[in-house]
Amino acid sequence: MSVTGKRLQLLLDAERYELVSDEARRTGRSVSAVIRESIDEHFEDRAAMIRRAEAARRFLDLTAEAEQGPGRSWEDIKREMDDDLFTGRPSTAVGADRDFDNVQGLTRVDPAEALGEP
């Protein structure tokens, strides 16, 4: 929030003022602070919804730039990524922008064997 604020005159009925005043006394804050916090809490959901919508739009913009077509199955992509991890070659599954120079000394482990299954 801005350091310089706007002045607001707010008229409350006795019941609302008592609720706000009691909360201010109970928490050691001013009536104004209680009202500001209530406003923040009320609009927090809307702000979060806007942030989520913007994130979804950015994600969709990224996917729109990807190659069009039927694409590959998840199984194919996962298999390629596993191969890339264990061979140390640049990934073709998710793009060639990853650094695989530090992948040394890894050996492929059969999941069934790792779990002790026959």
N, C-alpha and C. Protein backbone atom coordinates (compact mmCIF):
# COMPACT_ATOMS: atom_id res chain seq x y z
N MET A 1 0.83 -1.18 0.00
CA MET A 1 0.00 0.00 0.00
C MET A 1 0.87 1.25 0.00
N SER A 2 0.33 2.31 -0.50
CA SER A 2 1.01 3.58 -0.61
C SER A 2 1.21 4.21 0.78
N VAL A 3 2.35 4.92 0.93
CA VAL A 3 2.60 5.62 2.19
C VAL A 3 1.64 6.80 2.31
N THR A 4 1.43 7.50 1.21
CA THR A 4 0.44 8.58 1.23
C THR A 4 -0.91 7.99 0.91
N GLY A 5 -1.84 8.20 1.81
CA GLY A 5 -3.15 7.58 1.65
C GLY A 5 -4.20 8.58 1.27
N LYS A 6 -5.36 8.07 1.04
CA LYS A 6 -6.54 8.90 0.76
C LYS A 6 -7.42 8.89 1.99
N ARG A 7 -7.95 10.02 2.32
CA ARG A 7 -8.84 10.13 3.47
C ARG A 7 -10.23 9.68 3.05
N LEU A 8 -10.87 8.92 3.94
CA LEU A 8 -12.20 8.40 3.69
C LEU A 8 -13.06 8.63 4.90
N GLN A 9 -14.23 9.15 4.68
CA GLN A 9 -15.18 9.29 5.77
C GLN A 9 -16.20 8.18 5.60
N LEU A 10 -16.35 7.38 6.64
CA LEU A 10 -17.20 6.21 6.59
C LEU A 10 -18.22 6.28 7.71
N LEU A 11 -19.48 6.15 7.36
CA LEU A 11 -20.54 6.15 8.37
C LEU A 11 -20.98 4.72 8.59
N LEU A 12 -20.95 4.28 9.87
CA LEU A 12 -21.37 2.93 10.24
C LEU A 12 -22.54 3.01 11.20
N ASP A 13 -23.44 2.06 11.10
CA ASP A 13 -24.50 2.01 12.11
C ASP A 13 -23.86 1.54 13.42
N ALA A 14 -24.60 1.68 14.52
CA ALA A 14 -24.06 1.39 15.85
C ALA A 14 -23.57 -0.05 15.97
N GLU A 15 -24.30 -0.99 15.40
CA GLU A 15 -23.93 -2.40 15.51
C GLU A 15 -22.60 -2.69 14.81
N ARG A 16 -22.43 -2.17 13.60
CA ARG A 16 -21.16 -2.39 12.88
C ARG A 16 -20.00 -1.70 13.59
N TYR A 17 -20.25 -0.46 14.06
CA TYR A 17 -19.18 0.25 14.75
C TYR A 17 -18.76 -0.51 16.00
N GLU A 18 -19.72 -1.06 16.73
CA GLU A 18 -19.40 -1.81 17.94
C GLU A 18 -18.56 -3.05 17.61
N LEU A 19 -18.91 -3.75 16.53
CA LEU A 19 -18.11 -4.92 16.11
C LEU A 19 -16.67 -4.53 15.82
N VAL A 20 -16.50 -3.45 15.05
CA VAL A 20 -15.15 -3.01 14.67
C VAL A 20 -14.40 -2.49 15.90
N SER A 21 -15.07 -1.73 16.71
CA SER A 21 -14.45 -1.16 17.90
C SER A 21 -14.04 -2.24 18.89
N ASP A 22 -14.89 -3.24 19.09
CA ASP A 22 -14.55 -4.35 19.99
C ASP A 22 -13.32 -5.10 19.48
N GLU A 23 -13.27 -5.34 18.17
CA GLU A 23 -12.11 -6.04 17.58
C GLU A 23 -10.84 -5.21 17.77
N ALA A 24 -10.95 -3.90 17.59
CA ALA A 24 -9.79 -3.02 17.76
C ALA A 24 -9.29 -3.07 19.20
N ARG A 25 -10.19 -2.98 20.16
CA ARG A 25 -9.80 -3.05 21.58
C ARG A 25 -9.18 -4.42 21.91
N ARG A 26 -9.83 -5.47 21.43
CA ARG A 26 -9.38 -6.83 21.74
C ARG A 26 -7.97 -7.09 21.20
N THR A 27 -7.65 -6.53 20.04
CA THR A 27 -6.36 -6.82 19.40
C THR A 27 -5.34 -5.70 19.57
N GLY A 28 -5.74 -4.61 20.23
CA GLY A 28 -4.80 -3.52 20.47
C GLY A 28 -4.48 -2.71 19.22
N ARG A 29 -5.41 -2.70 18.27
CA ARG A 29 -5.22 -1.92 17.04
C ARG A 29 -6.23 -0.80 16.99
N SER A 30 -6.03 0.10 16.05
CA SER A 30 -7.00 1.18 15.85
C SER A 30 -8.19 0.67 15.04
N VAL A 31 -9.30 1.38 15.13
CA VAL A 31 -10.48 1.05 14.34
C VAL A 31 -10.11 1.11 12.86
N SER A 32 -9.34 2.11 12.48
CA SER A 32 -8.93 2.25 11.07
C SER A 32 -8.13 1.03 10.61
N ALA A 33 -7.24 0.54 11.46
CA ALA A 33 -6.44 -0.63 11.09
C ALA A 33 -7.33 -1.86 10.89
N VAL A 34 -8.33 -2.02 11.74
CA VAL A 34 -9.25 -3.16 11.60
C VAL A 34 -10.02 -3.05 10.29
N ILE A 35 -10.48 -1.87 9.95
CA ILE A 35 -11.23 -1.68 8.70
C ILE A 35 -10.33 -1.91 7.49
N ARG A 36 -9.09 -1.38 7.52
CA ARG A 36 -8.16 -1.60 6.40
C ARG A 36 -7.89 -3.09 6.20
N GLU A 37 -7.66 -3.81 7.32
CA GLU A 37 -7.42 -5.25 7.22
C GLU A 37 -8.63 -5.99 6.66
N SER A 38 -9.81 -5.57 7.06
CA SER A 38 -11.03 -6.20 6.54
C SER A 38 -11.15 -6.00 5.03
N ILE A 39 -10.82 -4.80 4.57
CA ILE A 39 -10.84 -4.54 3.13
C ILE A 39 -9.83 -5.42 2.42
N ASP A 40 -8.62 -5.50 2.97
CA ASP A 40 -7.58 -6.34 2.36
C ASP A 40 -8.03 -7.80 2.26
N GLU A 41 -8.60 -8.31 3.34
CA GLU A 41 -9.06 -9.71 3.34
C GLU A 41 -10.18 -9.93 2.34
N HIS A 42 -11.07 -8.97 2.24
CA HIS A 42 -12.20 -9.11 1.31
C HIS A 42 -11.72 -9.18 -0.14
N PHE A 43 -10.76 -8.35 -0.49
CA PHE A 43 -10.31 -8.29 -1.88
C PHE A 43 -9.15 -9.23 -2.18
N GLU A 44 -8.63 -9.92 -1.17
CA GLU A 44 -7.52 -10.84 -1.37
C GLU A 44 -7.91 -11.96 -2.33
N ASP A 45 -9.10 -12.53 -2.19
CA ASP A 45 -9.55 -13.60 -3.08
C ASP A 45 -9.60 -13.13 -4.52
N ARG A 46 -10.08 -11.92 -4.75
CA ARG A 46 -10.16 -11.39 -6.10
C ARG A 46 -8.76 -11.20 -6.69
N ALA A 47 -7.85 -10.68 -5.88
CA ALA A 47 -6.48 -10.48 -6.36
C ALA A 47 -5.82 -11.82 -6.69
N ALA A 48 -6.05 -12.83 -5.85
CA ALA A 48 -5.49 -14.15 -6.11
C ALA A 48 -6.07 -14.74 -7.38
N MET A 49 -7.36 -14.54 -7.61
CA MET A 49 -8.00 -15.04 -8.82
C MET A 49 -7.38 -14.37 -10.06
N ILE A 50 -7.13 -13.09 -9.97
CA ILE A 50 -6.51 -12.36 -11.09
C ILE A 50 -5.10 -12.88 -11.34
N ARG A 51 -4.32 -13.12 -10.26
CA ARG A 51 -2.96 -13.66 -10.43
C ARG A 51 -2.99 -15.04 -11.08
N ARG A 52 -3.93 -15.90 -10.66
CA ARG A 52 -4.04 -17.24 -11.26
C ARG A 52 -4.42 -17.15 -12.73
N ALA A 53 -5.34 -16.25 -13.07
CA ALA A 53 -5.76 -16.08 -14.46
C ALA A 53 -4.60 -15.59 -15.32
N GLU A 54 -3.79 -14.68 -14.78
CA GLU A 54 -2.63 -14.18 -15.52
C GLU A 54 -1.60 -15.29 -15.72
N ALA A 55 -1.38 -16.11 -14.70
CA ALA A 55 -0.44 -17.23 -14.82
C ALA A 55 -0.93 -18.23 -15.86
N ALA A 56 -2.22 -18.51 -15.85
CA ALA A 56 -2.79 -19.44 -16.85
C ALA A 56 -2.64 -18.88 -18.25
N ARG A 57 -2.86 -17.59 -18.41
CA ARG A 57 -2.71 -16.96 -19.72
C ARG A 57 -1.27 -17.06 -20.20
N ARG A 58 -0.29 -16.80 -19.30
CA ARG A 58 1.12 -16.90 -19.68
C ARG A 58 1.46 -18.33 -20.08
N PHE A 59 0.93 -19.31 -19.33
CA PHE A 59 1.18 -20.71 -19.66
C PHE A 59 0.60 -21.05 -21.03
N LEU A 60 -0.63 -20.62 -21.28
CA LEU A 60 -1.25 -20.90 -22.57
C LEU A 60 -0.50 -20.22 -23.71
N ASP A 61 0.03 -19.01 -23.44
CA ASP A 61 0.84 -18.34 -24.46
C ASP A 61 2.08 -19.16 -24.79
N LEU A 62 2.70 -19.75 -23.77
CA LEU A 62 3.88 -20.59 -24.00
C LEU A 62 3.54 -21.83 -24.80
N THR A 63 2.42 -22.46 -24.48
CA THR A 63 2.05 -23.68 -25.18
C THR A 63 1.61 -23.38 -26.60
N ALA A 64 1.09 -22.18 -26.86
CA ALA A 64 0.67 -21.83 -28.21
C ALA A 64 1.88 -21.71 -29.13
N GLU A 65 3.05 -21.41 -28.55
CA GLU A 65 4.27 -21.28 -29.34
C GLU A 65 4.88 -22.64 -29.68
N ALA A 66 4.47 -23.69 -28.98
CA ALA A 66 5.02 -25.03 -29.22
C ALA A 66 4.58 -25.53 -30.58
N GLU A 67 5.29 -26.56 -31.05
CA GLU A 67 4.93 -27.15 -32.33
C GLU A 67 3.51 -27.67 -32.30
N GLN A 68 2.81 -27.46 -33.40
CA GLN A 68 1.45 -27.97 -33.52
C GLN A 68 1.51 -29.39 -34.06
N GLY A 69 0.52 -30.16 -33.81
CA GLY A 69 0.49 -31.52 -34.32
C GLY A 69 0.10 -32.48 -33.22
N PRO A 70 0.06 -33.77 -33.56
CA PRO A 70 -0.39 -34.75 -32.58
C PRO A 70 0.55 -34.90 -31.41
N GLY A 71 1.82 -34.56 -31.57
CA GLY A 71 2.76 -34.67 -30.47
C GLY A 71 3.11 -36.10 -30.14
N ARG A 72 3.89 -36.26 -29.10
CA ARG A 72 4.29 -37.59 -28.67
C ARG A 72 3.55 -37.96 -27.40
N SER A 73 3.46 -39.22 -27.15
CA SER A 73 2.79 -39.67 -25.94
C SER A 73 3.68 -39.40 -24.73
N TRP A 74 3.06 -39.37 -23.55
CA TRP A 74 3.82 -39.17 -22.31
C TRP A 74 4.84 -40.30 -22.13
N GLU A 75 4.47 -41.51 -22.48
CA GLU A 75 5.39 -42.65 -22.33
C GLU A 75 6.64 -42.43 -23.17
N ASP A 76 6.47 -41.95 -24.41
CA ASP A 76 7.62 -41.69 -25.29
C ASP A 76 8.50 -40.58 -24.72
N ILE A 77 7.88 -39.52 -24.26
CA ILE A 77 8.65 -38.40 -23.70
C ILE A 77 9.41 -38.85 -22.46
N LYS A 78 8.75 -39.59 -21.57
CA LYS A 78 9.40 -40.07 -20.34
C LYS A 78 10.56 -40.98 -20.68
N ARG A 79 10.36 -41.90 -21.63
CA ARG A 79 11.43 -42.82 -22.03
C ARG A 79 12.63 -42.03 -22.56
N GLU A 80 12.37 -41.01 -23.40
CA GLU A 80 13.46 -40.19 -23.93
C GLU A 80 14.18 -39.43 -22.81
N MET A 81 13.42 -38.90 -21.87
CA MET A 81 14.03 -38.17 -20.76
C MET A 81 14.89 -39.10 -19.91
N ASP A 82 14.39 -40.31 -19.64
CA ASP A 82 15.18 -41.29 -18.88
C ASP A 82 16.46 -41.64 -19.63
N ASP A 83 16.35 -41.88 -20.93
CA ASP A 83 17.54 -42.18 -21.73
C ASP A 83 18.53 -41.02 -21.67
N ASP A 84 18.03 -39.81 -21.79
CA ASP A 84 18.89 -38.63 -21.75
C ASP A 84 19.60 -38.50 -20.41
N LEU A 85 18.87 -38.77 -19.33
CA LEU A 85 19.46 -38.66 -18.00
C LEU A 85 20.61 -39.63 -17.81
N PHE A 86 20.42 -40.86 -18.27
CA PHE A 86 21.44 -41.88 -18.04
C PHE A 86 22.54 -41.89 -19.07
N THR A 87 22.32 -41.33 -20.25
CA THR A 87 23.39 -41.29 -21.25
C THR A 87 24.16 -39.99 -21.21
N GLY A 88 23.58 -38.95 -20.64
CA GLY A 88 24.26 -37.67 -20.55
C GLY A 88 24.18 -36.86 -21.82
N ARG A 89 23.40 -37.31 -22.79
CA ARG A 89 23.28 -36.52 -24.02
C ARG A 89 22.19 -35.47 -23.84
N PRO A 90 22.25 -34.39 -24.62
CA PRO A 90 21.24 -33.34 -24.51
C PRO A 90 19.84 -33.90 -24.76
N SER A 91 18.89 -33.37 -24.04
CA SER A 91 17.53 -33.86 -24.14
C SER A 91 16.87 -33.43 -25.43
N THR A 92 16.24 -34.37 -26.09
CA THR A 92 15.39 -34.04 -27.24
C THR A 92 13.94 -34.10 -26.83
N ALA A 93 13.68 -34.65 -25.65
CA ALA A 93 12.30 -34.81 -25.19
C ALA A 93 11.69 -33.48 -24.76
N VAL A 94 12.48 -32.65 -24.13
CA VAL A 94 11.93 -31.40 -23.61
C VAL A 94 12.70 -30.19 -24.12
N GLY A 95 13.54 -30.38 -25.12
CA GLY A 95 14.33 -29.28 -25.65
C GLY A 95 15.79 -29.47 -25.30
N ALA A 96 16.64 -28.79 -26.02
CA ALA A 96 18.08 -28.96 -25.83
C ALA A 96 18.67 -27.89 -24.94
N ASP A 97 17.87 -27.32 -24.06
CA ASP A 97 18.34 -26.21 -23.23
C ASP A 97 18.78 -26.65 -21.84
N ARG A 98 18.97 -27.94 -21.62
CA ARG A 98 19.38 -28.42 -20.30
C ARG A 98 20.86 -28.75 -20.29
N ASP A 99 21.46 -28.65 -19.11
CA ASP A 99 22.88 -28.93 -18.95
C ASP A 99 23.03 -30.34 -18.39
N PHE A 100 23.49 -31.26 -19.22
CA PHE A 100 23.65 -32.64 -18.78
C PHE A 100 25.13 -32.97 -18.56
N ASP A 101 26.01 -31.95 -18.56
CA ASP A 101 27.43 -32.20 -18.36
C ASP A 101 27.73 -32.75 -16.98
N ASN A 102 26.88 -32.45 -16.00
CA ASN A 102 27.13 -32.88 -14.63
C ASN A 102 26.55 -34.26 -14.33
N VAL A 103 25.92 -34.91 -15.29
CA VAL A 103 25.34 -36.23 -15.07
C VAL A 103 26.43 -37.25 -15.38
N GLN A 104 27.13 -37.69 -14.35
CA GLN A 104 28.22 -38.64 -14.51
C GLN A 104 28.04 -39.77 -13.51
N GLY A 105 28.39 -40.95 -13.88
CA GLY A 105 28.42 -42.06 -12.97
C GLY A 105 27.07 -42.63 -12.58
N LEU A 106 26.02 -42.26 -13.27
CA LEU A 106 24.70 -42.82 -12.96
C LEU A 106 24.52 -44.12 -13.72
N THR A 107 23.86 -45.04 -13.11
CA THR A 107 23.55 -46.30 -13.79
C THR A 107 22.06 -46.49 -13.80
N ARG A 108 21.57 -47.11 -14.84
CA ARG A 108 20.15 -47.36 -14.96
C ARG A 108 19.76 -48.46 -13.97
N VAL A 109 18.68 -48.22 -13.25
CA VAL A 109 18.19 -49.18 -12.27
C VAL A 109 16.81 -49.62 -12.71
N ASP A 110 16.61 -50.92 -12.77
CA ASP A 110 15.29 -51.46 -13.08
C ASP A 110 14.43 -51.28 -11.84
N PRO A 111 13.27 -50.58 -11.95
CA PRO A 111 12.44 -50.33 -10.77
C PRO A 111 12.02 -51.61 -10.06
N ALA A 112 11.69 -52.66 -10.82
CA ALA A 112 11.29 -53.93 -10.18
C ALA A 112 12.44 -54.51 -9.39
N GLU A 113 13.65 -54.41 -9.94
CA GLU A 113 14.82 -54.95 -9.25
C GLU A 113 15.11 -54.12 -7.99
N ALA A 114 14.93 -52.80 -8.09
CA ALA A 114 15.19 -51.93 -6.94
C ALA A 114 14.21 -52.22 -5.80
N LEU A 115 12.99 -52.63 -6.15
CA LEU A 115 11.99 -52.95 -5.14
C LEU A 115 12.08 -54.40 -4.67
N GLY A 116 13.02 -55.15 -5.23
CA GLY A 116 13.20 -56.54 -4.83
C GLY A 116 12.17 -57.49 -5.42
N GLU A 117 11.54 -57.05 -6.49
CA GLU A 117 10.54 -57.91 -7.14
C GLU A 117 11.23 -58.82 -8.16
N PRO A 118 10.71 -60.03 -8.36
CA PRO A 118 11.34 -60.94 -9.33
C PRO A 118 11.16 -60.49 -10.76
